[in-house]
Amino acid sequence: MKQHRRREYLSNSIPDSSGIRANSLMGGEPPQNLLPSKHDLPRLVIVLALASLVAWTCNFLFTSLLHPPSKPFCDTNPHSPDYFPDVCQPCPSNGECNNGKLECLQGYQRHGKLCVEDGDINESARMIVERVEHHLCEGYAQFLCSGTGPIWVHEEDLWNYFEPVGNLKGDNALYNYTKQKAVETMGKVLETRLNNSHGMKEFKCPDLLAEHYKSYTCCIHQWISQHILVVLCICVMLVGCTVLFWKVRQKLSMSKRVEELYDKVCEILEENALTSKSANGECEPWVVASRLRDHLLLPRERKNPLLWRKVEELVQEDSRIDRYPKLVKGESKVVWEWQVEGSLSASKMKKRRDASKARVNKDMDLNHQQHPEVKTEPMEPLF
């Protein structure tokens, strides 16, 4: 019991530490351990110094490796007091350097430490040169072909004819620089001269370049004009070969036709002679030459007397045929008569005559079956 009472006394007599801390904070007084003590201050200074040294070292390494410090550019003028080639880098071409700074000339853009040409300006200048070349060469090609068209064109006329292209519209300074670039290029591609009367530059399309702008009709016309003798000789040769070929072909055709007519004449005369003998004198053994001619020749062939004359020559040379004049119906006619007994072609004619009779008999049988009342009459010889 004594011990229990002693514990209660001690607990009532000793104040609570948390209550003391709360009272101290509410009272506004800072705690004593908030700031470092005198013994901890040197340590804190050393830690801050090491951290600053590490940060500066990392920043130095990062800057020196990835972004090394560049030297300033030397002034364009070597006599400038700021020109120190040991501590500065030379000014690149197409650029101007003042006070260590680089400024590229008009028409160039800065790319690192260099000044490169502006791609838009080069493209615009190229388009202008192409349009000028097309305009001049078409006109000069027209002059070479027809004698009408421009030859030399003033520079001002070209710029009045063409308008700014691309991104050059509305920018006079840039357009003037582009024109200057185009003029430099045209001076290398086109022919130029200085007009003494006006003191202006004139441009002309080269002859070799104008050849590519000529039409096919113009090229053919010029080639014929330059090689007129060769063309005439070729035309004469072609006409001569054509005429010769036509005459040879006509001669071969006439020779073939003459042989055909001669064979028919021999067949008709031989057949007429055999028919006359089989008819016991009822049919004449001769044939009038003029009637035979009109029977064998086509209407268009009768206008060519040479054809029948060739046939008459072959008949005259044939010993199997007699030619003599005879009075027919009161008119004197030249008749032809086959004189060969048992001719070499008699068997052939006999077979042909038999085949003809068989065909006629067959036709007669068919007609008799269809029309029994119709009576056929005996056929008479043609001549």
Protein backbone atom coordinates (compact mmCIF):
# COMPACT_ATOMS: atom_id res chain seq x y z
CA MET A 1 0.00 0.00 0.00
CA LYS A 2 2.89 2.31 0.77
CA GLN A 3 4.44 1.68 -2.62
CA HIS A 4 1.16 2.42 -4.41
CA ARG A 5 0.75 5.71 -2.61
CA ARG A 6 4.37 6.62 -3.40
CA ARG A 7 3.77 6.05 -7.13
CA GLU A 8 0.68 8.28 -7.14
CA TYR A 9 2.64 11.02 -5.39
CA LEU A 10 5.44 10.88 -7.90
CA SER A 11 3.05 10.95 -10.84
CA ASN A 12 1.29 13.97 -9.52
CA SER A 13 4.49 15.79 -8.63
CA ILE A 14 6.41 15.21 -12.01
CA PRO A 15 4.98 17.23 -14.98
CA ASP A 16 4.31 15.57 -18.39
CA SER A 17 7.04 16.16 -21.08
CA SER A 18 4.52 16.37 -23.92
CA GLY A 19 2.62 18.98 -22.11
CA ILE A 20 5.81 20.97 -21.59
CA ARG A 21 6.67 20.71 -25.35
CA ALA A 22 3.18 21.85 -26.33
CA ASN A 23 3.33 24.71 -23.93
CA SER A 24 6.70 25.77 -25.30
CA LEU A 25 5.45 25.73 -28.93
CA MET A 26 2.31 27.61 -28.07
CA GLY A 27 4.31 30.12 -26.21
CA GLY A 28 6.28 31.05 -29.50
CA GLU A 29 9.74 30.18 -28.29
CA PRO A 30 11.87 28.10 -30.79
CA PRO A 31 13.35 24.90 -29.60
CA GLN A 32 17.02 24.84 -28.73
CA ASN A 33 17.88 21.96 -31.18
CA LEU A 34 16.42 23.69 -34.28
CA LEU A 35 19.73 25.29 -35.38
CA PRO A 36 22.96 23.35 -35.61
CA SER A 37 25.21 23.58 -32.75
CA LYS A 38 28.65 25.08 -32.86
CA HIS A 39 30.15 21.64 -33.26
CA ASP A 40 27.92 20.76 -36.30
CA LEU A 41 28.43 24.03 -38.24
CA PRO A 42 31.85 23.17 -39.81
CA ARG A 43 30.47 19.87 -40.98
CA LEU A 44 27.54 21.61 -42.70
CA VAL A 45 29.85 24.06 -44.47
CA ILE A 46 32.01 21.23 -45.77
CA VAL A 47 28.98 19.33 -47.17
CA LEU A 48 27.68 22.42 -48.98
CA ALA A 49 31.10 23.11 -50.48
CA LEU A 50 31.44 19.53 -51.79
CA ALA A 51 27.94 19.63 -53.32
CA SER A 52 28.69 22.93 -55.08
CA LEU A 53 31.98 21.56 -56.40
CA VAL A 54 30.31 18.45 -57.81
CA ALA A 55 27.54 20.51 -59.51
CA TRP A 56 30.07 22.91 -61.06
CA THR A 57 32.20 20.00 -62.31
CA CYS A 58 29.22 18.28 -63.94
CA ASN A 59 28.10 21.51 -65.58
CA PHE A 60 31.61 22.19 -66.88
CA LEU A 61 31.96 18.71 -68.35
CA PHE A 62 28.51 18.79 -69.95
CA THR A 63 29.14 22.20 -71.52
CA SER A 64 32.65 21.44 -72.74
CA LEU A 65 31.71 18.09 -74.33
CA LEU A 66 28.29 18.78 -75.86
CA HIS A 67 28.47 22.50 -76.39
CA PRO A 68 32.14 23.46 -76.58
CA PRO A 69 32.73 27.15 -76.52
CA SER A 70 33.18 28.54 -80.01
CA LYS A 71 35.61 31.19 -80.96
CA PRO A 72 34.21 34.45 -82.24
CA PHE A 73 34.43 35.14 -85.96
CA CYS A 74 37.22 37.31 -87.25
CA ASP A 75 36.15 40.55 -88.85
CA THR A 76 35.85 40.55 -92.61
CA ASN A 77 38.31 43.42 -92.84
CA PRO A 78 41.76 42.03 -91.91
CA HIS A 79 42.96 45.54 -91.06
CA SER A 80 40.32 45.90 -88.35
CA PRO A 81 41.69 46.38 -84.80
CA ASP A 82 39.51 43.45 -83.69
CA TYR A 83 41.15 41.06 -86.14
CA PHE A 84 43.05 38.44 -84.09
CA PRO A 85 43.42 35.21 -86.12
CA ASP A 86 44.79 33.34 -83.10
CA VAL A 87 41.75 33.85 -80.91
CA CYS A 88 39.03 33.94 -83.62
CA GLN A 89 37.90 31.74 -86.48
CA PRO A 90 37.96 32.99 -90.10
CA CYS A 91 34.78 34.42 -91.54
CA PRO A 92 33.16 31.96 -93.99
CA SER A 93 32.57 32.83 -97.61
CA ASN A 94 29.29 34.50 -98.57
CA GLY A 95 29.16 36.09 -95.15
CA GLU A 96 30.17 39.27 -93.32
CA CYS A 97 31.62 39.26 -89.79
CA ASN A 98 31.65 42.25 -87.47
CA ASN A 99 32.43 42.23 -83.76
CA GLY A 100 32.68 38.44 -83.77
CA LYS A 101 29.19 37.91 -85.22
CA LEU A 102 28.38 36.32 -88.57
CA GLU A 103 25.77 37.67 -90.96
CA CYS A 104 25.18 35.84 -94.26
CA LEU A 105 24.83 37.75 -97.50
CA GLN A 106 21.49 38.12 -99.24
CA GLY A 107 20.36 34.85 -100.76
CA TYR A 108 22.28 32.76 -98.19
CA GLN A 109 21.24 31.22 -94.92
CA ARG A 110 23.38 30.42 -91.90
CA HIS A 111 23.91 26.73 -91.30
CA GLY A 112 26.18 26.25 -88.33
CA LYS A 113 29.42 28.08 -89.11
CA LEU A 114 28.74 28.29 -92.86
CA CYS A 115 26.54 30.33 -95.19
CA VAL A 116 24.71 28.18 -97.74
CA GLU A 117 22.52 29.26 -100.63
CA ASP A 118 18.82 29.61 -100.11
CA GLY A 119 17.05 26.72 -101.88
CA ASP A 120 13.88 28.73 -102.60
CA ILE A 121 15.84 31.44 -104.36
CA ASN A 122 17.75 28.93 -106.49
CA GLU A 123 14.54 27.17 -107.46
CA SER A 124 12.86 30.46 -108.37
CA ALA A 125 15.88 31.52 -110.42
CA ARG A 126 15.88 28.18 -112.23
CA MET A 127 12.19 28.53 -113.07
CA ILE A 128 12.79 32.02 -114.45
CA VAL A 129 15.70 30.78 -116.59
CA GLU A 130 13.58 27.94 -117.98
CA ARG A 131 10.74 30.28 -118.92
CA VAL A 132 13.12 32.76 -120.55
CA GLU A 133 14.86 29.96 -122.46
CA HIS A 134 11.53 28.54 -123.65
CA HIS A 135 10.32 31.97 -124.79
CA LEU A 136 13.52 32.93 -126.61
CA CYS A 137 14.18 29.55 -128.23
CA GLU A 138 10.61 29.17 -129.48
CA GLY A 139 10.75 32.60 -131.10
CA TYR A 140 14.17 31.98 -132.65
CA ALA A 141 13.10 28.54 -133.92
CA GLN A 142 10.08 30.19 -135.55
CA PHE A 143 12.42 32.69 -137.19
CA LEU A 144 14.67 29.92 -138.52
CA CYS A 145 11.66 28.09 -139.99
CA SER A 146 9.42 30.87 -141.32
CA GLY A 147 11.56 34.00 -141.10
CA THR A 148 9.29 35.66 -138.51
CA GLY A 149 10.00 35.89 -134.82
CA PRO A 150 12.33 37.59 -132.32
CA ILE A 151 16.07 36.98 -132.34
CA TRP A 152 17.70 39.32 -129.81
CA VAL A 153 15.53 40.37 -126.87
CA HIS A 154 16.26 43.19 -124.42
CA GLU A 155 16.60 42.37 -120.76
CA GLU A 156 13.82 44.77 -119.79
CA ASP A 157 11.45 43.12 -122.25
CA LEU A 158 12.04 39.80 -120.56
CA TRP A 159 11.30 41.13 -117.07
CA ASN A 160 8.20 42.90 -118.34
CA TYR A 161 7.02 39.66 -119.87
CA PHE A 162 7.62 37.48 -116.81
CA GLU A 163 6.17 37.96 -113.33
CA PRO A 164 7.62 36.94 -109.98
CA VAL A 165 7.14 33.29 -109.14
CA GLY A 166 6.94 31.32 -105.91
CA ASN A 167 7.55 33.18 -102.66
CA LEU A 168 9.15 36.17 -104.40
CA LYS A 169 5.89 38.06 -104.93
CA GLY A 170 5.73 41.17 -102.82
CA ASP A 171 9.43 41.14 -101.83
CA ASN A 172 11.27 43.55 -104.14
CA ALA A 173 14.71 43.04 -102.57
CA LEU A 174 14.49 39.27 -102.77
CA TYR A 175 13.06 39.39 -106.28
CA ASN A 176 15.85 41.67 -107.49
CA TYR A 177 18.44 39.31 -106.05
CA THR A 178 16.68 36.37 -107.73
CA LYS A 179 16.72 38.26 -111.04
CA GLN A 180 20.42 38.85 -110.59
CA LYS A 181 20.99 35.12 -110.06
CA ALA A 182 18.82 34.33 -113.10
CA VAL A 183 20.76 36.79 -115.25
CA GLU A 184 24.05 35.19 -114.22
CA THR A 185 22.71 31.77 -115.17
CA MET A 186 21.28 33.03 -118.47
CA GLY A 187 24.66 34.49 -119.32
CA LYS A 188 26.08 30.96 -119.19
CA VAL A 189 23.23 29.30 -121.14
CA LEU A 190 22.21 31.96 -123.68
CA GLU A 191 24.17 34.20 -126.02
CA THR A 192 24.50 37.80 -124.85
CA ARG A 193 25.60 41.07 -126.36
CA LEU A 194 25.59 44.72 -125.36
CA ASN A 195 23.39 47.01 -127.42
CA ASN A 196 25.48 50.08 -128.19
CA SER A 197 22.51 52.28 -129.01
CA HIS A 198 20.66 51.63 -125.75
CA GLY A 199 23.50 50.33 -123.62
CA MET A 200 21.41 47.35 -122.53
CA LYS A 201 22.15 43.68 -122.47
CA GLU A 202 20.38 41.50 -125.03
CA PHE A 203 19.86 37.74 -125.05
CA LYS A 204 19.60 35.23 -127.88
CA CYS A 205 18.97 31.48 -127.96
CA PRO A 206 21.97 29.47 -129.29
CA ASP A 207 21.48 27.74 -132.62
CA LEU A 208 22.11 24.27 -131.20
CA LEU A 209 19.55 24.82 -128.46
CA ALA A 210 16.98 26.23 -130.91
CA GLU A 211 17.13 23.01 -132.93
CA HIS A 212 15.32 21.23 -130.10
CA TYR A 213 12.39 23.67 -130.32
CA LYS A 214 11.71 23.20 -134.04
CA SER A 215 8.62 21.31 -135.15
CA TYR A 216 8.87 18.07 -137.13
CA THR A 217 7.41 19.77 -140.20
CA CYS A 218 10.07 22.48 -140.06
CA CYS A 219 12.88 19.93 -139.63
CA ILE A 220 11.66 17.92 -142.62
CA HIS A 221 11.31 21.04 -144.76
CA GLN A 222 14.80 22.26 -143.88
CA TRP A 223 16.33 18.84 -144.48
CA ILE A 224 14.73 18.65 -147.92
CA SER A 225 15.93 22.17 -148.74
CA GLN A 226 19.49 21.31 -147.71
CA HIS A 227 19.53 17.99 -149.60
CA ILE A 228 17.42 18.90 -152.61
CA LEU A 229 19.77 17.16 -155.07
CA VAL A 230 19.75 13.94 -153.11
CA VAL A 231 15.96 14.10 -152.80
CA LEU A 232 15.56 14.69 -156.54
CA CYS A 233 17.85 11.79 -157.39
CA ILE A 234 15.95 9.50 -155.04
CA CYS A 235 12.61 10.61 -156.48
CA VAL A 236 13.83 10.05 -160.04
CA MET A 237 15.12 6.61 -159.11
CA LEU A 238 11.84 5.71 -157.44
CA VAL A 239 9.80 6.90 -160.42
CA GLY A 240 12.09 5.07 -162.84
CA CYS A 241 11.93 1.85 -160.82
CA THR A 242 8.15 2.14 -160.58
CA VAL A 243 7.76 2.70 -164.32
CA LEU A 244 10.16 -0.15 -165.10
CA PHE A 245 8.39 -2.50 -162.71
CA TRP A 246 5.00 -1.55 -164.19
CA LYS A 247 6.22 -2.12 -167.74
CA VAL A 248 7.78 -5.48 -166.88
CA ARG A 249 4.65 -6.54 -165.06
CA GLN A 250 2.48 -5.37 -167.96
CA LYS A 251 4.68 -7.20 -170.43
CA LEU A 252 4.55 -10.43 -168.41
CA SER A 253 0.80 -10.10 -168.01
CA MET A 254 0.34 -9.50 -171.76
CA SER A 255 2.60 -12.42 -172.62
CA LYS A 256 0.60 -14.69 -170.33
CA ARG A 257 -2.67 -13.42 -171.77
CA VAL A 258 -1.41 -13.89 -175.36
CA GLU A 259 -0.52 -17.50 -174.61
CA GLU A 260 -3.96 -18.11 -173.11
CA LEU A 261 -5.69 -16.61 -176.15
CA TYR A 262 -3.47 -18.60 -178.53
CA ASP A 263 -4.33 -21.86 -176.73
CA LYS A 264 -8.04 -21.04 -176.92
CA VAL A 265 -7.73 -20.23 -180.63
CA CYS A 266 -6.06 -23.59 -181.28
CA GLU A 267 -8.71 -25.45 -179.26
CA ILE A 268 -11.58 -23.68 -181.04
CA LEU A 269 -10.10 -24.25 -184.51
CA GLU A 270 -9.35 -27.89 -183.77
CA GLU A 271 -12.78 -28.50 -182.28
CA ASN A 272 -14.43 -26.74 -185.22
CA ALA A 273 -12.51 -28.91 -187.69
CA LEU A 274 -13.51 -32.12 -185.89
CA THR A 275 -17.14 -30.98 -185.69
CA SER A 276 -17.14 -30.18 -189.41
CA LYS A 277 -15.92 -33.68 -190.26
CA SER A 278 -18.43 -35.37 -187.96
CA ALA A 279 -21.30 -33.32 -189.43
CA ASN A 280 -20.50 -34.45 -193.01
CA GLY A 281 -19.91 -30.95 -194.36
CA GLU A 282 -22.89 -29.26 -192.68
CA CYS A 283 -20.50 -27.00 -190.69
CA GLU A 284 -17.66 -24.98 -192.23
CA PRO A 285 -14.17 -26.06 -191.17
CA TRP A 286 -12.85 -22.50 -191.08
CA VAL A 287 -13.48 -19.63 -188.66
CA VAL A 288 -13.52 -15.90 -189.38
CA ALA A 289 -10.58 -14.33 -187.53
CA SER A 290 -12.40 -11.08 -186.63
CA ARG A 291 -15.35 -12.98 -185.12
CA LEU A 292 -12.98 -15.20 -183.15
CA ARG A 293 -11.22 -12.10 -181.87
CA ASP A 294 -14.45 -10.45 -180.70
CA HIS A 295 -15.49 -13.70 -179.05
CA LEU A 296 -12.29 -14.21 -177.06
CA LEU A 297 -11.28 -10.66 -176.11
CA LEU A 298 -12.84 -8.78 -173.22
CA PRO A 299 -14.31 -5.33 -173.94
CA ARG A 300 -11.39 -3.54 -172.26
CA GLU A 301 -8.88 -5.71 -174.15
CA ARG A 302 -10.30 -4.74 -177.54
CA LYS A 303 -8.91 -1.23 -177.02
CA ASN A 304 -5.38 -2.65 -177.06
CA PRO A 305 -4.65 -3.72 -180.66
CA LEU A 306 -1.20 -4.99 -179.65
CA LEU A 307 -2.70 -7.90 -177.74
CA TRP A 308 -4.48 -9.47 -180.74
CA ARG A 309 -1.56 -8.63 -183.01
CA LYS A 310 0.67 -10.82 -180.82
CA VAL A 311 -1.91 -13.61 -181.11
CA GLU A 312 -1.92 -13.23 -184.91
CA GLU A 313 1.87 -13.47 -184.93
CA LEU A 314 1.75 -16.77 -183.04
CA VAL A 315 -0.97 -18.08 -185.36
CA GLN A 316 1.06 -17.05 -188.38
CA GLU A 317 4.07 -18.95 -187.06
CA ASP A 318 1.97 -22.07 -186.40
CA SER A 319 2.15 -24.51 -189.36
CA ARG A 320 -1.04 -26.29 -188.28
CA ILE A 321 -3.21 -23.26 -189.05
CA ASP A 322 -3.87 -21.85 -192.54
CA ARG A 323 -4.71 -18.20 -193.00
CA TYR A 324 -6.37 -17.12 -196.22
CA PRO A 325 -8.98 -14.60 -197.38
CA LYS A 326 -12.52 -15.74 -198.15
CA LEU A 327 -15.71 -14.07 -199.35
CA VAL A 328 -18.29 -14.36 -196.57
CA LYS A 329 -21.77 -12.91 -197.27
CA GLY A 330 -20.37 -10.63 -199.91
CA GLU A 331 -17.47 -9.35 -197.74
CA SER A 332 -13.86 -10.37 -197.90
CA LYS A 333 -12.78 -11.85 -194.58
CA VAL A 334 -9.61 -13.49 -193.31
CA VAL A 335 -10.38 -17.01 -192.13
CA TRP A 336 -8.34 -19.51 -190.11
CA GLU A 337 -8.56 -23.22 -190.63
CA TRP A 338 -7.09 -26.17 -188.77
CA GLN A 339 -5.23 -28.43 -191.20
CA VAL A 340 -3.76 -31.22 -189.07
CA GLU A 341 -5.30 -34.70 -189.34
CA GLY A 342 -5.29 -36.58 -186.03
CA SER A 343 -3.70 -33.73 -184.11
CA LEU A 344 -1.77 -34.24 -180.91
CA SER A 345 -4.61 -32.60 -178.98
CA ALA A 346 -7.37 -34.64 -180.64
CA SER A 347 -7.54 -37.12 -177.79
CA LYS A 348 -7.79 -34.26 -175.32
CA MET A 349 -10.52 -32.60 -177.34
CA LYS A 350 -12.34 -35.92 -177.66
CA LYS A 351 -12.33 -36.37 -173.90
CA ARG A 352 -13.56 -32.83 -173.44
CA ARG A 353 -16.28 -33.33 -176.06
CA ASP A 354 -17.37 -36.59 -174.41
CA ALA A 355 -17.53 -34.92 -171.03
CA SER A 356 -19.56 -32.07 -172.56
CA LYS A 357 -22.00 -34.52 -174.19
CA ALA A 358 -22.37 -36.42 -170.91
CA ARG A 359 -23.13 -33.19 -169.08
CA VAL A 360 -25.67 -32.19 -171.73
CA ASN A 361 -27.37 -35.60 -171.61
CA LYS A 362 -27.58 -35.36 -167.83
CA ASP A 363 -29.18 -31.94 -168.04
CA MET A 364 -31.62 -33.20 -170.66
CA ASP A 365 -32.67 -36.12 -168.44
CA LEU A 366 -33.29 -33.78 -165.53
CA ASN A 367 -35.33 -31.42 -167.69
CA HIS A 368 -37.32 -34.32 -169.15
CA GLN A 369 -38.17 -35.55 -165.67
CA GLN A 370 -39.33 -32.09 -164.57
CA HIS A 371 -41.01 -31.05 -167.86
CA PRO A 372 -41.82 -34.04 -170.07
CA GLU A 373 -43.53 -31.87 -172.71
CA VAL A 374 -40.46 -29.77 -173.40
CA LYS A 375 -38.47 -30.97 -176.41
CA THR A 376 -34.78 -30.23 -176.70
CA GLU A 377 -33.32 -29.10 -179.97
CA PRO A 378 -29.95 -30.24 -181.30
CA MET A 379 -27.07 -27.86 -180.52
CA GLU A 380 -25.36 -26.12 -183.37
CA PRO A 381 -21.68 -25.25 -183.48
CA LEU A 382 -20.71 -21.76 -182.35
CA PHE A 383 -18.92 -20.79 -185.53
